[in-house]
Amino acid sequence: VGVDSRPLVQLSEMIRKENLDVRSFLVVKDGK
C-alpha cells in the first residue's frame, strides 16, 4: 500500500532499545 516498512522496523527497535512498555502498536493504511 505504498508504505516503507523500514521506519516501522526502526520504531520497534527503538521501543526495545529504550525498554519502553509498549503493549501494542498498530498501523492501518487504506483500510488494511
PDB file of all heavy atoms in Angstrom:
ATOM      1  N   VAL A   1       0.835  -1.204   0.000  1.00  0.00           N
ATOM      2  CA  VAL A   1       0.000   0.000   0.000  1.00  0.00           C
ATOM      3  C   VAL A   1       0.870   1.254   0.000  1.00  0.00           C
ATOM      4  O   VAL A   1       0.451   2.324   0.447  1.00  0.00           O
ATOM      5  CB  VAL A   1      -0.984   0.008   1.195  1.00  0.00           C
ATOM      6  CG1 VAL A   1      -2.051  -1.064   1.022  1.00  0.00           C
ATOM      7  CG2 VAL A   1      -0.247  -0.167   2.523  1.00  0.00           C
ATOM      8  N   GLY A   2       2.093   1.113  -0.488  1.00  0.00           N
ATOM      9  CA  GLY A   2       2.967   2.267  -0.644  1.00  0.00           C
ATOM     10  C   GLY A   2       3.616   2.765   0.621  1.00  0.00           C
ATOM     11  O   GLY A   2       3.990   3.944   0.717  1.00  0.00           O
ATOM     12  N   VAL A   3       3.786   1.891   1.612  1.00  0.00           N
ATOM     13  CA  VAL A   3       4.403   2.269   2.890  1.00  0.00           C
ATOM     14  C   VAL A   3       5.783   1.627   2.985  1.00  0.00           C
ATOM     15  O   VAL A   3       5.943   0.434   2.704  1.00  0.00           O
ATOM     16  CB  VAL A   3       3.522   1.834   4.074  1.00  0.00           C
ATOM     17  CG1 VAL A   3       4.207   2.141   5.405  1.00  0.00           C
ATOM     18  CG2 VAL A   3       2.162   2.514   4.010  1.00  0.00           C
ATOM     19  N   ASP A   4       6.742   2.415   3.377  1.00  0.00           N
ATOM     20  CA  ASP A   4       8.111   1.939   3.569  1.00  0.00           C
ATOM     21  C   ASP A   4       8.207   1.281   4.942  1.00  0.00           C
ATOM     22  O   ASP A   4       8.059   1.947   5.975  1.00  0.00           O
ATOM     23  CB  ASP A   4       9.066   3.132   3.467  1.00  0.00           C
ATOM     24  CG  ASP A   4      10.535   2.731   3.519  1.00  0.00           C
ATOM     25  OD1 ASP A   4      10.832   1.564   3.831  1.00  0.00           O
ATOM     26  OD2 ASP A   4      11.384   3.607   3.258  1.00  0.00           O
ATOM     27  N   SER A   5       8.454  -0.012   4.973  1.00  0.00           N
ATOM     28  CA  SER A   5       8.464  -0.731   6.247  1.00  0.00           C
ATOM     29  C   SER A   5       9.700  -0.441   7.087  1.00  0.00           C
ATOM     30  O   SER A   5       9.718  -0.714   8.294  1.00  0.00           O
ATOM     31  CB  SER A   5       8.354  -2.238   6.004  1.00  0.00           C
ATOM     32  OG  SER A   5       9.466  -2.719   5.269  1.00  0.00           O
ATOM     33  N   ARG A   6      10.726   0.132   6.499  1.00  0.00           N
ATOM     34  CA  ARG A   6      11.984   0.319   7.253  1.00  0.00           C
ATOM     35  C   ARG A   6      11.826   1.233   8.468  1.00  0.00           C
ATOM     36  O   ARG A   6      12.324   0.885   9.556  1.00  0.00           O
ATOM     37  CB  ARG A   6      13.074   0.822   6.308  1.00  0.00           C
ATOM     38  CG  ARG A   6      13.505  -0.210   5.270  1.00  0.00           C
ATOM     39  CD  ARG A   6      14.459   0.379   4.252  1.00  0.00           C
ATOM     40  NE  ARG A   6      13.835   1.451   3.484  1.00  0.00           N
ATOM     41  CZ  ARG A   6      14.476   2.159   2.548  1.00  0.00           C
ATOM     42  NH1 ARG A   6      15.752   1.905   2.279  1.00  0.00           N
ATOM     43  NH2 ARG A   6      13.834   3.112   1.889  1.00  0.00           N
ATOM     44  N   PRO A   7      11.148   2.379   8.367  1.00  0.00           N
ATOM     45  CA  PRO A   7      10.948   3.173   9.593  1.00  0.00           C
ATOM     46  C   PRO A   7      10.110   2.454  10.648  1.00  0.00           C
ATOM     47  O   PRO A   7      10.287   2.704  11.847  1.00  0.00           O
ATOM     48  CB  PRO A   7      10.228   4.423   9.070  1.00  0.00           C
ATOM     49  CG  PRO A   7      10.620   4.527   7.637  1.00  0.00           C
ATOM     50  CD  PRO A   7      10.701   3.119   7.163  1.00  0.00           C
ATOM     51  N   LEU A   8       9.215   1.567  10.231  1.00  0.00           N
ATOM     52  CA  LEU A   8       8.421   0.815  11.202  1.00  0.00           C
ATOM     53  C   LEU A   8       9.292  -0.203  11.936  1.00  0.00           C
ATOM     54  O   LEU A   8       9.110  -0.439  13.136  1.00  0.00           O
ATOM     55  CB  LEU A   8       7.250   0.130  10.507  1.00  0.00           C
ATOM     56  CG  LEU A   8       6.270   1.063   9.795  1.00  0.00           C
ATOM     57  CD1 LEU A   8       5.164   0.268   9.100  1.00  0.00           C
ATOM     58  CD2 LEU A   8       5.668   2.073  10.768  1.00  0.00           C
ATOM     59  N   VAL A   9      10.233  -0.798  11.217  1.00  0.00           N
ATOM     60  CA  VAL A   9      11.211  -1.672  11.867  1.00  0.00           C
ATOM     61  C   VAL A   9      12.040  -0.869  12.865  1.00  0.00           C
ATOM     62  O   VAL A   9      12.266  -1.290  14.008  1.00  0.00           O
ATOM     63  CB  VAL A   9      12.124  -2.342  10.820  1.00  0.00           C
ATOM     64  CG1 VAL A   9      13.292  -3.080  11.499  1.00  0.00           C
ATOM     65  CG2 VAL A   9      11.320  -3.309   9.955  1.00  0.00           C
ATOM     66  N   GLN A  10      12.480   0.316  12.455  1.00  0.00           N
ATOM     67  CA  GLN A  10      13.271   1.174  13.345  1.00  0.00           C
ATOM     68  C   GLN A  10      12.480   1.603  14.571  1.00  0.00           C
ATOM     69  O   GLN A  10      13.030   1.711  15.671  1.00  0.00           O
ATOM     70  CB  GLN A  10      13.759   2.392  12.562  1.00  0.00           C
ATOM     71  CG  GLN A  10      14.750   2.055  11.469  1.00  0.00           C
ATOM     72  CD  GLN A  10      14.940   3.182  10.468  1.00  0.00           C
ATOM     73  OE1 GLN A  10      14.371   4.265  10.630  1.00  0.00           O
ATOM     74  NE2 GLN A  10      15.723   2.944   9.427  1.00  0.00           N
ATOM     75  N   LEU A  11      11.187   1.840  14.408  1.00  0.00           N
ATOM     76  CA  LEU A  11      10.327   2.181  15.541  1.00  0.00           C
ATOM     77  C   LEU A  11      10.331   1.058  16.567  1.00  0.00           C
ATOM     78  O   LEU A  11      10.518   1.289  17.772  1.00  0.00           O
ATOM     79  CB  LEU A  11       8.901   2.442  15.046  1.00  0.00           C
ATOM     80  CG  LEU A  11       7.810   2.528  16.112  1.00  0.00           C
ATOM     81  CD1 LEU A  11       8.059   3.692  17.055  1.00  0.00           C
ATOM     82  CD2 LEU A  11       6.435   2.648  15.460  1.00  0.00           C
ATOM     83  N   SER A  12      10.136  -0.156  16.111  1.00  0.00           N
ATOM     84  CA  SER A  12      10.116  -1.292  17.033  1.00  0.00           C
ATOM     85  C   SER A  12      11.474  -1.491  17.692  1.00  0.00           C
ATOM     86  O   SER A  12      11.562  -1.790  18.890  1.00  0.00           O
ATOM     87  CB  SER A  12       9.704  -2.559  16.280  1.00  0.00           C
ATOM     88  OG  SER A  12       9.628  -3.665  17.149  1.00  0.00           O
ATOM     89  N   GLU A  13      12.529  -1.309  16.924  1.00  0.00           N
ATOM     90  CA  GLU A  13      13.872  -1.421  17.503  1.00  0.00           C
ATOM     91  C   GLU A  13      14.079  -0.373  18.595  1.00  0.00           C
ATOM     92  O   GLU A  13      14.667  -0.674  19.644  1.00  0.00           O
ATOM     93  CB  GLU A  13      14.924  -1.255  16.401  1.00  0.00           C
ATOM     94  CG  GLU A  13      14.980  -2.409  15.420  1.00  0.00           C
ATOM     95  CD  GLU A  13      15.894  -2.129  14.244  1.00  0.00           C
ATOM     96  OE1 GLU A  13      16.210  -0.936  13.991  1.00  0.00           O
ATOM     97  OE2 GLU A  13      16.299  -3.101  13.569  1.00  0.00           O
ATOM     98  N   MET A  14      13.616   0.843  18.354  1.00  0.00           N
ATOM     99  CA  MET A  14      13.746   1.903  19.354  1.00  0.00           C
ATOM    100  C   MET A  14      12.985   1.547  20.628  1.00  0.00           C
ATOM    101  O   MET A  14      13.479   1.744  21.742  1.00  0.00           O
ATOM    102  CB  MET A  14      13.226   3.225  18.778  1.00  0.00           C
ATOM    103  CG  MET A  14      13.287   4.400  19.734  1.00  0.00           C
ATOM    104  SD  MET A  14      11.865   4.558  20.862  1.00  0.00           S
ATOM    105  CE  MET A  14      10.583   5.030  19.702  1.00  0.00           C
ATOM    106  N   ILE A  15      11.784   1.009  20.493  1.00  0.00           N
ATOM    107  CA  ILE A  15      10.994   0.621  21.663  1.00  0.00           C
ATOM    108  C   ILE A  15      11.743  -0.413  22.489  1.00  0.00           C
ATOM    109  O   ILE A  15      11.806  -0.320  23.729  1.00  0.00           O
ATOM    110  CB  ILE A  15       9.621   0.086  21.220  1.00  0.00           C
ATOM    111  CG1 ILE A  15       8.770   1.234  20.639  1.00  0.00           C
ATOM    112  CG2 ILE A  15       8.888  -0.584  22.390  1.00  0.00           C
ATOM    113  CD1 ILE A  15       7.488   0.767  19.967  1.00  0.00           C
ATOM    114  N   ARG A  16      12.363  -1.381  21.821  1.00  0.00           N
ATOM    115  CA  ARG A  16      13.125  -2.401  22.552  1.00  0.00           C
ATOM    116  C   ARG A  16      14.396  -1.810  23.163  1.00  0.00           C
ATOM    117  O   ARG A  16      14.729  -2.077  24.318  1.00  0.00           O
ATOM    118  CB  ARG A  16      13.482  -3.561  21.625  1.00  0.00           C
ATOM    119  CG  ARG A  16      12.295  -4.413  21.213  1.00  0.00           C
ATOM    120  CD  ARG A  16      12.718  -5.722  20.562  1.00  0.00           C
ATOM    121  NE  ARG A  16      13.444  -5.525  19.316  1.00  0.00           N
ATOM    122  CZ  ARG A  16      14.743  -5.755  19.149  1.00  0.00           C
ATOM    123  NH1 ARG A  16      15.488  -6.171  20.177  1.00  0.00           N
ATOM    124  NH2 ARG A  16      15.326  -5.570  17.981  1.00  0.00           N
ATOM    125  N   LYS A  17      15.104  -0.997  22.391  1.00  0.00           N
ATOM    126  CA  LYS A  17      16.358  -0.425  22.876  1.00  0.00           C
ATOM    127  C   LYS A  17      16.134   0.441  24.100  1.00  0.00           C
ATOM    128  O   LYS A  17      16.930   0.409  25.058  1.00  0.00           O
ATOM    129  CB  LYS A  17      17.012   0.397  21.764  1.00  0.00           C
ATOM    130  CG  LYS A  17      18.345   1.017  22.163  1.00  0.00           C
ATOM    131  CD  LYS A  17      18.958   1.801  21.007  1.00  0.00           C
ATOM    132  CE  LYS A  17      20.275   2.440  21.411  1.00  0.00           C
ATOM    133  NZ  LYS A  17      20.873   3.220  20.293  1.00  0.00           N
ATOM    134  N   GLU A  18      15.051   1.222  24.101  1.00  0.00           N
ATOM    135  CA  GLU A  18      14.766   2.105  25.227  1.00  0.00           C
ATOM    136  C   GLU A  18      13.922   1.420  26.302  1.00  0.00           C
ATOM    137  O   GLU A  18      13.557   2.053  27.300  1.00  0.00           O
ATOM    138  CB  GLU A  18      14.089   3.376  24.718  1.00  0.00           C
ATOM    139  CG  GLU A  18      14.979   4.152  23.753  1.00  0.00           C
ATOM    140  CD  GLU A  18      14.454   5.522  23.388  1.00  0.00           C
ATOM    141  OE1 GLU A  18      13.472   5.990  24.025  1.00  0.00           O
ATOM    142  OE2 GLU A  18      15.022   6.142  22.475  1.00  0.00           O
ATOM    143  N   ASN A  19      13.630   0.154  26.078  1.00  0.00           N
ATOM    144  CA  ASN A  19      12.928  -0.685  27.061  1.00  0.00           C
ATOM    145  C   ASN A  19      11.587  -0.082  27.476  1.00  0.00           C
ATOM    146  O   ASN A  19      11.233  -0.050  28.659  1.00  0.00           O
ATOM    147  CB  ASN A  19      13.805  -0.916  28.293  1.00  0.00           C
ATOM    148  CG  ASN A  19      13.438  -2.201  29.027  1.00  0.00           C
ATOM    149  OD1 ASN A  19      12.897  -3.139  28.439  1.00  0.00           O
ATOM    150  ND2 ASN A  19      13.728  -2.245  30.313  1.00  0.00           N
ATOM    151  N   LEU A  20      10.844   0.418  26.499  1.00  0.00           N
ATOM    152  CA  LEU A  20       9.543   1.027  26.753  1.00  0.00           C
ATOM    153  C   LEU A  20       8.469  -0.048  26.877  1.00  0.00           C
ATOM    154  O   LEU A  20       8.471  -1.035  26.136  1.00  0.00           O
ATOM    155  CB  LEU A  20       9.182   1.990  25.622  1.00  0.00           C
ATOM    156  CG  LEU A  20      10.177   3.117  25.336  1.00  0.00           C
ATOM    157  CD1 LEU A  20       9.682   3.960  24.176  1.00  0.00           C
ATOM    158  CD2 LEU A  20      10.399   3.969  26.577  1.00  0.00           C
ATOM    159  N   ASP A  21       7.557   0.171  27.793  1.00  0.00           N
ATOM    160  CA  ASP A  21       6.461  -0.788  27.995  1.00  0.00           C
ATOM    161  C   ASP A  21       5.314  -0.437  27.038  1.00  0.00           C
ATOM    162  O   ASP A  21       4.288   0.107  27.428  1.00  0.00           O
ATOM    163  CB  ASP A  21       5.988  -0.750  29.443  1.00  0.00           C
ATOM    164  CG  ASP A  21       5.019  -1.889  29.770  1.00  0.00           C
ATOM    165  OD1 ASP A  21       4.714  -2.692  28.869  1.00  0.00           O
ATOM    166  OD2 ASP A  21       4.565  -1.959  30.927  1.00  0.00           O
ATOM    167  N   VAL A  22       5.532  -0.745  25.779  1.00  0.00           N
ATOM    168  CA  VAL A  22       4.508  -0.575  24.749  1.00  0.00           C
ATOM    169  C   VAL A  22       3.878  -1.939  24.520  1.00  0.00           C
ATOM    170  O   VAL A  22       4.530  -2.863  24.032  1.00  0.00           O
ATOM    171  CB  VAL A  22       5.105  -0.011  23.450  1.00  0.00           C
ATOM    172  CG1 VAL A  22       4.060   0.009  22.336  1.00  0.00           C
ATOM    173  CG2 VAL A  22       5.646   1.397  23.698  1.00  0.00           C
ATOM    174  N   ARG A  23       2.619  -2.074  24.884  1.00  0.00           N
ATOM    175  CA  ARG A  23       1.957  -3.369  24.818  1.00  0.00           C
ATOM    176  C   ARG A  23       1.528  -3.719  23.393  1.00  0.00           C
ATOM    177  O   ARG A  23       1.649  -4.857  22.957  1.00  0.00           O
ATOM    178  CB  ARG A  23       0.741  -3.381  25.741  1.00  0.00           C
ATOM    179  CG  ARG A  23       1.079  -3.686  27.211  1.00  0.00           C
ATOM    180  CD  ARG A  23       1.283  -2.482  28.070  1.00  0.00           C
ATOM    181  NE  ARG A  23       1.713  -2.803  29.404  1.00  0.00           N
ATOM    182  CZ  ARG A  23       0.889  -3.079  30.421  1.00  0.00           C
ATOM    183  NH1 ARG A  23      -0.419  -3.061  30.254  1.00  0.00           N
ATOM    184  NH2 ARG A  23       1.377  -3.348  31.612  1.00  0.00           N
ATOM    185  N   SER A  24       1.002  -2.730  22.683  1.00  0.00           N
ATOM    186  CA  SER A  24       0.589  -2.956  21.294  1.00  0.00           C
ATOM    187  C   SER A  24       0.825  -1.688  20.495  1.00  0.00           C
ATOM    188  O   SER A  24       0.752  -0.574  21.025  1.00  0.00           O
ATOM    189  CB  SER A  24      -0.883  -3.374  21.210  1.00  0.00           C
ATOM    190  OG  SER A  24      -1.736  -2.319  21.645  1.00  0.00           O
ATOM    191  N   PHE A  25       1.100  -1.874  19.201  1.00  0.00           N
ATOM    192  CA  PHE A  25       1.259  -0.743  18.284  1.00  0.00           C
ATOM    193  C   PHE A  25       0.791  -1.217  16.915  1.00  0.00           C
ATOM    194  O   PHE A  25       1.338  -2.165  16.350  1.00  0.00           O
ATOM    195  CB  PHE A  25       2.713  -0.279  18.216  1.00  0.00           C
ATOM    196  CG  PHE A  25       2.870   1.131  17.706  1.00  0.00           C
ATOM    197  CD1 PHE A  25       3.119   2.176  18.578  1.00  0.00           C
ATOM    198  CD2 PHE A  25       2.753   1.428  16.348  1.00  0.00           C
ATOM    199  CE1 PHE A  25       3.252   3.476  18.120  1.00  0.00           C
ATOM    200  CE2 PHE A  25       2.881   2.719  15.878  1.00  0.00           C
ATOM    201  CZ  PHE A  25       3.139   3.757  16.765  1.00  0.00           C
ATOM    202  N   LEU A  26      -0.245  -0.549  16.391  1.00  0.00           N
ATOM    203  CA  LEU A  26      -0.860  -0.949  15.131  1.00  0.00           C
ATOM    204  C   LEU A  26      -0.881   0.232  14.166  1.00  0.00           C
ATOM    205  O   LEU A  26      -1.019   1.388  14.589  1.00  0.00           O
ATOM    206  CB  LEU A  26      -2.310  -1.421  15.339  1.00  0.00           C
ATOM    207  CG  LEU A  26      -2.565  -2.857  15.792  1.00  0.00           C
ATOM    208  CD1 LEU A  26      -1.912  -3.152  17.138  1.00  0.00           C
ATOM    209  CD2 LEU A  26      -4.068  -3.124  15.878  1.00  0.00           C
ATOM    210  N   VAL A  27      -0.762  -0.073  12.877  1.00  0.00           N
ATOM    211  CA  VAL A  27      -0.952   0.922  11.833  1.00  0.00           C
ATOM    212  C   VAL A  27      -1.914   0.347  10.803  1.00  0.00           C
ATOM    213  O   VAL A  27      -1.714  -0.775  10.316  1.00  0.00           O
ATOM    214  CB  VAL A  27       0.375   1.312  11.149  1.00  0.00           C
ATOM    215  CG1 VAL A  27       0.113   2.356  10.047  1.00  0.00           C
ATOM    216  CG2 VAL A  27       1.380   1.850  12.169  1.00  0.00           C
ATOM    217  N   VAL A  28      -2.954   1.110  10.508  1.00  0.00           N
ATOM    218  CA  VAL A  28      -3.914   0.768   9.450  1.00  0.00           C
ATOM    219  C   VAL A  28      -3.761   1.799   8.346  1.00  0.00           C
ATOM    220  O   VAL A  28      -3.771   3.003   8.605  1.00  0.00           O
ATOM    221  CB  VAL A  28      -5.358   0.766   9.976  1.00  0.00           C
ATOM    222  CG1 VAL A  28      -6.351   0.528   8.839  1.00  0.00           C
ATOM    223  CG2 VAL A  28      -5.531  -0.291  11.066  1.00  0.00           C
ATOM    224  N   LYS A  29      -3.599   1.332   7.116  1.00  0.00           N
ATOM    225  CA  LYS A  29      -3.442   2.216   5.961  1.00  0.00           C
ATOM    226  C   LYS A  29      -4.397   1.759   4.864  1.00  0.00           C
ATOM    227  O   LYS A  29      -4.442   0.569   4.522  1.00  0.00           O
ATOM    228  CB  LYS A  29      -1.991   2.163   5.469  1.00  0.00           C
ATOM    229  CG  LYS A  29      -1.723   2.732   4.081  1.00  0.00           C
ATOM    230  CD  LYS A  29      -1.909   4.237   4.023  1.00  0.00           C
ATOM    231  CE  LYS A  29      -1.464   4.760   2.645  1.00  0.00           C
ATOM    232  NZ  LYS A  29      -1.829   6.190   2.467  1.00  0.00           N
ATOM    233  N   ASP A  30      -5.176   2.679   4.322  1.00  0.00           N
ATOM    234  CA  ASP A  30      -6.152   2.367   3.271  1.00  0.00           C
ATOM    235  C   ASP A  30      -7.090   1.239   3.696  1.00  0.00           C
ATOM    236  O   ASP A  30      -7.464   0.381   2.888  1.00  0.00           O
ATOM    237  CB  ASP A  30      -5.442   1.996   1.961  1.00  0.00           C
ATOM    238  CG  ASP A  30      -4.650   3.157   1.376  1.00  0.00           C
ATOM    239  OD1 ASP A  30      -4.881   4.311   1.801  1.00  0.00           O
ATOM    240  OD2 ASP A  30      -3.791   2.905   0.503  1.00  0.00           O
ATOM    241  N   GLY A  31      -7.434   1.232   4.981  1.00  0.00           N
ATOM    242  CA  GLY A  31      -8.344   0.221   5.491  1.00  0.00           C
ATOM    243  C   GLY A  31      -7.731  -1.145   5.688  1.00  0.00           C
ATOM    244  O   GLY A  31      -8.449  -2.116   5.952  1.00  0.00           O
ATOM    245  N   LYS A  32      -6.414  -1.248   5.592  1.00  0.00           N
ATOM    246  CA  LYS A  32      -5.723  -2.530   5.739  1.00  0.00           C
ATOM    247  C   LYS A  32      -4.756  -2.479   6.916  1.00  0.00           C
ATOM    248  O   LYS A  32      -4.054  -1.479   7.117  1.00  0.00           O
ATOM    249  CB  LYS A  32      -4.973  -2.877   4.450  1.00  0.00           C
ATOM    250  CG  LYS A  32      -5.893  -3.038   3.249  1.00  0.00           C
ATOM    251  CD  LYS A  32      -5.113  -3.278   1.969  1.00  0.00           C
ATOM    252  CE  LYS A  32      -6.067  -3.401   0.776  1.00  0.00           C
ATOM    253  NZ  LYS A  32      -5.325  -3.591  -0.497  1.00  0.00           N
TER     254      LYS A  32
END
